[in-house]
Structure formats: structure tokens, C-alpha cells
């Protein structure tokens, strides 16, 4: 994200990531308030309480934090999950294999 005073501009890569994650193009995002409005619109579009929806909302929040510089680049496996269309069970199995100490009990 490029910033000049109160004005911001998302980079092509950021626009691409937001679009890939949400399916909604971040148009007319010129301030942080506009970015927050876009994020809220995405979450409203994908509402619900399922684990998949919670994951999507978390992913949107992570991308917002990355844009404003509050978060380092994502662990590659997080974006791999989002892009692969993996089911919840597949994501859990992959996470359990990569992080055995955090394995969920079933």
C-alpha cells in the first residue's frame, strides 16, 4: 500500500490478493476509512458462523493488517489453503502435520 498523508493506494498485488480472497474488487479505496468500508462490505457479503466463514473473515483481516503494515507477510501455507479450495478437514490435516504440537483432539 502506498500512502501519502490521508490518501492511500493499494498496489496491484494487494488488489489481486483481496480480489482472490473475496471475489470482490477493491474499487475506489483512497483512504483507510475506504479500506475499512471495503473490508466490512466483504464480511457482510460472506456472513455466517461456519468455520469456513470465520476463516474467510480472519483471512480478510490478515490481508488488511498486511496492507497497513501491522503484519509481516503470511506464512505460505495460509495462502495455499485459501487458494486450493481445500476442505476444512484437509486444512486441519495439513496444519496438524506441519504443527504436531498444536494437533486438535477429535
N, C-alpha and C. Protein backbone atom coordinates (compact mmCIF):
# COMPACT_ATOMS: atom_id res chain seq x y z
N UNK A 1 0.85 -1.15 0.00
CA UNK A 1 0.00 0.00 0.00
C UNK A 1 0.90 1.23 0.00
N UNK A 2 0.58 2.14 -0.86
CA UNK A 2 1.29 3.41 -0.93
C UNK A 2 0.48 4.43 -0.15
N UNK A 3 1.18 5.26 0.62
CA UNK A 3 0.48 6.22 1.46
C UNK A 3 1.09 7.59 1.30
N UNK A 4 0.21 8.60 1.21
CA UNK A 4 0.63 9.99 1.17
C UNK A 4 -0.37 10.79 2.00
N UNK A 5 0.03 11.08 3.23
CA UNK A 5 -0.91 11.77 4.13
C UNK A 5 -2.09 10.86 4.44
N UNK A 6 -3.30 11.35 4.18
CA UNK A 6 -4.51 10.56 4.41
C UNK A 6 -4.88 9.68 3.21
N UNK A 7 -4.21 9.88 2.10
CA UNK A 7 -4.54 9.15 0.87
C UNK A 7 -3.72 7.87 0.79
N UNK A 8 -4.37 6.79 0.36
CA UNK A 8 -3.68 5.52 0.16
C UNK A 8 -3.95 5.02 -1.25
N UNK A 9 -3.11 4.11 -1.69
CA UNK A 9 -3.32 3.44 -2.97
C UNK A 9 -2.85 2.00 -2.81
N UNK A 10 -3.76 1.07 -3.06
CA UNK A 10 -3.39 -0.33 -2.99
C UNK A 10 -2.53 -0.69 -4.20
N UNK A 11 -1.54 -1.53 -3.96
CA UNK A 11 -0.70 -1.99 -5.07
C UNK A 11 -1.48 -3.02 -5.89
N UNK A 12 -0.98 -3.32 -7.07
CA UNK A 12 -1.63 -4.34 -7.91
C UNK A 12 -1.69 -5.68 -7.20
N UNK A 13 -0.61 -6.02 -6.51
CA UNK A 13 -0.56 -7.30 -5.79
C UNK A 13 -1.61 -7.34 -4.68
N UNK A 14 -1.78 -6.23 -3.97
CA UNK A 14 -2.79 -6.18 -2.89
C UNK A 14 -4.20 -6.28 -3.46
N UNK A 15 -4.43 -5.58 -4.55
CA UNK A 15 -5.75 -5.66 -5.20
C UNK A 15 -6.02 -7.09 -5.65
N UNK A 16 -5.00 -7.72 -6.22
CA UNK A 16 -5.15 -9.10 -6.68
C UNK A 16 -5.44 -10.04 -5.51
N UNK A 17 -4.72 -9.89 -4.39
CA UNK A 17 -4.94 -10.76 -3.23
C UNK A 17 -6.34 -10.56 -2.66
N UNK A 18 -6.76 -9.29 -2.48
CA UNK A 18 -8.11 -9.05 -1.96
C UNK A 18 -9.16 -9.64 -2.90
N UNK A 19 -8.98 -9.47 -4.19
CA UNK A 19 -9.94 -9.99 -5.16
C UNK A 19 -9.97 -11.51 -5.15
N UNK A 20 -8.79 -12.12 -5.04
CA UNK A 20 -8.72 -13.58 -5.00
C UNK A 20 -9.35 -14.13 -3.73
N UNK A 21 -9.16 -13.47 -2.62
CA UNK A 21 -9.70 -13.91 -1.34
C UNK A 21 -11.22 -13.73 -1.30
N UNK A 22 -11.70 -12.56 -1.75
CA UNK A 22 -13.11 -12.20 -1.56
C UNK A 22 -13.98 -12.32 -2.80
N UNK A 23 -13.37 -12.26 -3.97
CA UNK A 23 -14.16 -12.23 -5.18
C UNK A 23 -14.74 -10.85 -5.47
N UNK A 24 -14.41 -9.88 -4.64
CA UNK A 24 -14.89 -8.50 -4.80
C UNK A 24 -13.68 -7.59 -5.00
N UNK A 25 -13.71 -6.82 -6.07
CA UNK A 25 -12.59 -5.94 -6.39
C UNK A 25 -12.64 -4.70 -5.49
N UNK A 26 -11.51 -4.35 -4.85
CA UNK A 26 -11.49 -3.15 -4.01
C UNK A 26 -11.39 -1.87 -4.85
N UNK A 27 -12.53 -1.37 -5.31
CA UNK A 27 -12.57 -0.17 -6.13
C UNK A 27 -12.78 1.06 -5.26
N UNK A 28 -12.23 2.18 -5.70
CA UNK A 28 -12.38 3.47 -5.00
C UNK A 28 -11.92 3.42 -3.55
N UNK A 29 -10.84 2.71 -3.29
CA UNK A 29 -10.23 2.66 -1.96
C UNK A 29 -9.12 3.70 -1.95
N UNK A 30 -9.43 4.88 -1.39
CA UNK A 30 -8.49 6.00 -1.40
C UNK A 30 -8.02 6.43 -0.02
N UNK A 31 -8.69 5.92 1.03
CA UNK A 31 -8.31 6.25 2.40
C UNK A 31 -8.41 4.98 3.24
N UNK A 32 -7.88 5.02 4.47
CA UNK A 32 -8.02 3.87 5.36
C UNK A 32 -9.48 3.61 5.68
N UNK A 33 -10.27 4.69 5.77
CA UNK A 33 -11.72 4.53 6.00
C UNK A 33 -12.36 3.78 4.84
N UNK A 34 -11.93 4.07 3.61
CA UNK A 34 -12.44 3.35 2.44
C UNK A 34 -12.05 1.87 2.51
N UNK A 35 -10.83 1.59 2.96
CA UNK A 35 -10.37 0.22 3.09
C UNK A 35 -11.23 -0.51 4.13
N UNK A 36 -11.49 0.14 5.26
CA UNK A 36 -12.33 -0.46 6.29
C UNK A 36 -13.75 -0.69 5.79
N UNK A 37 -14.27 0.22 4.98
CA UNK A 37 -15.59 0.07 4.40
C UNK A 37 -15.62 -1.14 3.46
N UNK A 38 -14.57 -1.27 2.65
CA UNK A 38 -14.45 -2.42 1.74
C UNK A 38 -14.40 -3.73 2.53
N UNK A 39 -13.60 -3.77 3.59
CA UNK A 39 -13.49 -4.97 4.42
C UNK A 39 -14.85 -5.31 5.03
N UNK A 40 -15.55 -4.31 5.54
CA UNK A 40 -16.88 -4.54 6.13
C UNK A 40 -17.86 -5.06 5.08
N UNK A 41 -17.78 -4.52 3.87
CA UNK A 41 -18.66 -4.96 2.78
C UNK A 41 -18.38 -6.43 2.44
N UNK A 42 -17.12 -6.81 2.41
CA UNK A 42 -16.75 -8.20 2.13
C UNK A 42 -17.29 -9.13 3.21
N UNK A 43 -17.12 -8.74 4.45
CA UNK A 43 -17.59 -9.58 5.55
C UNK A 43 -19.11 -9.68 5.55
N UNK A 44 -19.77 -8.59 5.19
CA UNK A 44 -21.23 -8.61 5.12
C UNK A 44 -21.69 -9.52 3.98
N UNK A 45 -20.97 -9.49 2.87
CA UNK A 45 -21.29 -10.33 1.72
C UNK A 45 -21.15 -11.81 2.09
N UNK A 46 -20.10 -12.14 2.85
CA UNK A 46 -19.85 -13.51 3.28
C UNK A 46 -20.15 -13.62 4.77
N UNK A 47 -21.41 -13.58 5.13
CA UNK A 47 -21.79 -13.63 6.53
C UNK A 47 -22.04 -15.08 6.93
N UNK A 48 -22.03 -15.33 8.21
CA UNK A 48 -22.32 -16.67 8.73
C UNK A 48 -21.44 -16.99 9.92
N UNK A 49 -21.64 -18.18 10.46
CA UNK A 49 -20.89 -18.59 11.65
C UNK A 49 -20.10 -19.87 11.44
N UNK A 50 -20.11 -20.39 10.22
CA UNK A 50 -19.37 -21.62 9.95
C UNK A 50 -17.87 -21.38 10.11
N UNK A 51 -17.14 -22.45 10.27
CA UNK A 51 -15.69 -22.32 10.42
C UNK A 51 -15.07 -21.76 9.14
N UNK A 52 -15.65 -22.10 8.00
CA UNK A 52 -15.15 -21.58 6.73
C UNK A 52 -15.34 -20.07 6.65
N UNK A 53 -16.50 -19.59 7.10
CA UNK A 53 -16.75 -18.14 7.10
C UNK A 53 -15.84 -17.43 8.08
N UNK A 54 -15.64 -18.02 9.24
CA UNK A 54 -14.73 -17.44 10.22
C UNK A 54 -13.32 -17.36 9.66
N UNK A 55 -12.91 -18.41 8.96
CA UNK A 55 -11.59 -18.42 8.35
C UNK A 55 -11.47 -17.32 7.30
N UNK A 56 -12.51 -17.18 6.47
CA UNK A 56 -12.50 -16.14 5.44
C UNK A 56 -12.42 -14.76 6.07
N UNK A 57 -13.19 -14.50 7.11
CA UNK A 57 -13.15 -13.21 7.79
C UNK A 57 -11.75 -12.97 8.38
N UNK A 58 -11.16 -14.01 8.96
CA UNK A 58 -9.82 -13.88 9.51
C UNK A 58 -8.82 -13.56 8.40
N UNK A 59 -8.97 -14.25 7.26
CA UNK A 59 -8.06 -14.03 6.13
C UNK A 59 -8.18 -12.59 5.61
N UNK A 60 -9.39 -12.08 5.53
CA UNK A 60 -9.61 -10.69 5.12
C UNK A 60 -8.94 -9.74 6.10
N UNK A 61 -9.11 -10.01 7.41
CA UNK A 61 -8.48 -9.16 8.43
C UNK A 61 -6.96 -9.20 8.33
N UNK A 62 -6.41 -10.40 8.08
CA UNK A 62 -4.96 -10.53 7.96
C UNK A 62 -4.44 -9.73 6.78
N UNK A 63 -5.17 -9.77 5.67
CA UNK A 63 -4.75 -9.02 4.48
C UNK A 63 -4.80 -7.52 4.75
N UNK A 64 -5.83 -7.07 5.46
CA UNK A 64 -5.93 -5.65 5.82
C UNK A 64 -4.74 -5.24 6.68
N UNK A 65 -4.43 -6.06 7.69
CA UNK A 65 -3.29 -5.75 8.56
C UNK A 65 -1.98 -5.74 7.77
N UNK A 66 -1.84 -6.66 6.83
CA UNK A 66 -0.64 -6.70 5.99
C UNK A 66 -0.53 -5.42 5.17
N UNK A 67 -1.66 -4.95 4.65
CA UNK A 67 -1.66 -3.72 3.83
C UNK A 67 -1.21 -2.51 4.64
N UNK A 68 -1.67 -2.40 5.86
CA UNK A 68 -1.33 -1.21 6.66
C UNK A 68 0.00 -1.36 7.37
N UNK A 69 0.67 -2.51 7.16
CA UNK A 69 2.00 -2.69 7.72
C UNK A 69 2.01 -3.18 9.15
N UNK A 70 0.88 -3.69 9.62
CA UNK A 70 0.81 -4.16 11.00
C UNK A 70 1.11 -5.65 11.12
N UNK A 71 1.40 -6.31 9.99
CA UNK A 71 1.62 -7.74 9.99
C UNK A 71 2.67 -8.08 8.94
N UNK A 72 3.52 -9.03 9.27
CA UNK A 72 4.53 -9.46 8.30
C UNK A 72 3.86 -10.33 7.24
N UNK A 73 4.55 -10.60 6.14
CA UNK A 73 3.95 -11.44 5.10
C UNK A 73 3.47 -12.78 5.65
N UNK A 74 2.40 -13.28 5.08
CA UNK A 74 1.76 -14.51 5.57
C UNK A 74 2.67 -15.71 5.42
N UNK A 75 2.45 -16.66 6.33
CA UNK A 75 3.09 -17.95 6.15
C UNK A 75 2.55 -18.51 4.85
N UNK A 76 3.39 -19.06 4.00
CA UNK A 76 2.92 -19.53 2.70
C UNK A 76 1.74 -20.50 2.77
N UNK A 77 1.70 -21.36 3.81
CA UNK A 77 0.64 -22.36 3.85
C UNK A 77 -0.73 -21.74 4.06
N UNK A 78 -0.83 -20.56 4.66
CA UNK A 78 -2.13 -19.92 4.84
C UNK A 78 -2.74 -19.57 3.49
N UNK A 79 -1.96 -18.97 2.63
CA UNK A 79 -2.47 -18.62 1.31
C UNK A 79 -2.67 -19.86 0.46
N UNK A 80 -1.86 -20.90 0.66
CA UNK A 80 -2.06 -22.14 -0.07
C UNK A 80 -3.44 -22.71 0.22
N UNK A 81 -3.85 -22.67 1.49
CA UNK A 81 -5.17 -23.16 1.87
C UNK A 81 -6.26 -22.36 1.18
N UNK A 82 -6.13 -21.06 1.21
CA UNK A 82 -7.16 -20.20 0.64
C UNK A 82 -7.29 -20.42 -0.87
N UNK A 83 -6.17 -20.60 -1.53
CA UNK A 83 -6.18 -20.75 -2.99
C UNK A 83 -6.57 -22.14 -3.45
N UNK A 84 -6.31 -23.14 -2.62
CA UNK A 84 -6.51 -24.52 -3.05
C UNK A 84 -7.96 -24.96 -3.02
N UNK A 85 -8.80 -24.25 -2.28
CA UNK A 85 -10.17 -24.69 -2.12
C UNK A 85 -10.26 -25.92 -1.23
N UNK A 86 -9.24 -26.11 -0.40
CA UNK A 86 -9.21 -27.27 0.48
C UNK A 86 -10.38 -27.23 1.45
N UNK A 87 -10.89 -28.41 1.78
CA UNK A 87 -11.96 -28.50 2.76
C UNK A 87 -11.38 -28.26 4.15
N UNK A 88 -12.27 -28.05 5.09
CA UNK A 88 -11.83 -27.83 6.47
C UNK A 88 -11.02 -29.02 6.97
N UNK A 89 -11.47 -30.22 6.68
CA UNK A 89 -10.75 -31.43 7.13
C UNK A 89 -9.35 -31.48 6.51
N UNK A 90 -9.25 -31.13 5.23
CA UNK A 90 -7.94 -31.14 4.57
C UNK A 90 -7.01 -30.09 5.18
N UNK A 91 -7.55 -28.89 5.47
CA UNK A 91 -6.73 -27.84 6.09
C UNK A 91 -6.25 -28.29 7.46
N UNK A 92 -7.15 -28.89 8.23
CA UNK A 92 -6.77 -29.35 9.56
C UNK A 92 -5.69 -30.42 9.48
N UNK A 93 -5.84 -31.36 8.57
CA UNK A 93 -4.84 -32.43 8.42
C UNK A 93 -3.48 -31.86 8.06
N UNK A 94 -3.47 -30.89 7.14
CA UNK A 94 -2.22 -30.26 6.75
C UNK A 94 -1.61 -29.50 7.92
N UNK A 95 -2.45 -28.73 8.64
CA UNK A 95 -1.95 -27.98 9.79
C UNK A 95 -1.43 -28.92 10.87
N UNK A 96 -2.16 -30.02 11.13
CA UNK A 96 -1.73 -30.98 12.15
C UNK A 96 -0.40 -31.61 11.78
N UNK A 97 -0.20 -31.88 10.48
CA UNK A 97 1.07 -32.47 10.03
C UNK A 97 2.22 -31.48 10.18
N UNK A 98 1.96 -30.21 9.91
CA UNK A 98 3.01 -29.19 9.99
C UNK A 98 3.28 -28.74 11.41
N UNK A 99 2.24 -28.81 12.26
CA UNK A 99 2.37 -28.32 13.64
C UNK A 99 1.82 -29.39 14.60
N UNK A 100 2.54 -30.50 14.78
CA UNK A 100 2.03 -31.61 15.60
C UNK A 100 1.73 -31.21 17.04
N UNK A 101 2.44 -30.23 17.58
CA UNK A 101 2.21 -29.84 18.98
C UNK A 101 0.88 -29.14 19.17
N UNK A 102 0.27 -28.68 18.06
CA UNK A 102 -1.00 -27.97 18.15
C UNK A 102 -2.16 -28.82 17.63
N UNK A 103 -1.94 -30.11 17.50
CA UNK A 103 -2.95 -31.00 16.92
C UNK A 103 -4.23 -30.98 17.75
N UNK A 104 -5.37 -30.91 17.05
CA UNK A 104 -6.67 -30.90 17.71
C UNK A 104 -7.05 -32.31 18.10
N UNK A 105 -7.71 -32.45 19.23
CA UNK A 105 -8.23 -33.77 19.58
C UNK A 105 -9.60 -33.93 18.92
N UNK A 106 -9.89 -35.12 18.46
CA UNK A 106 -11.17 -35.35 17.78
C UNK A 106 -12.08 -36.23 18.56
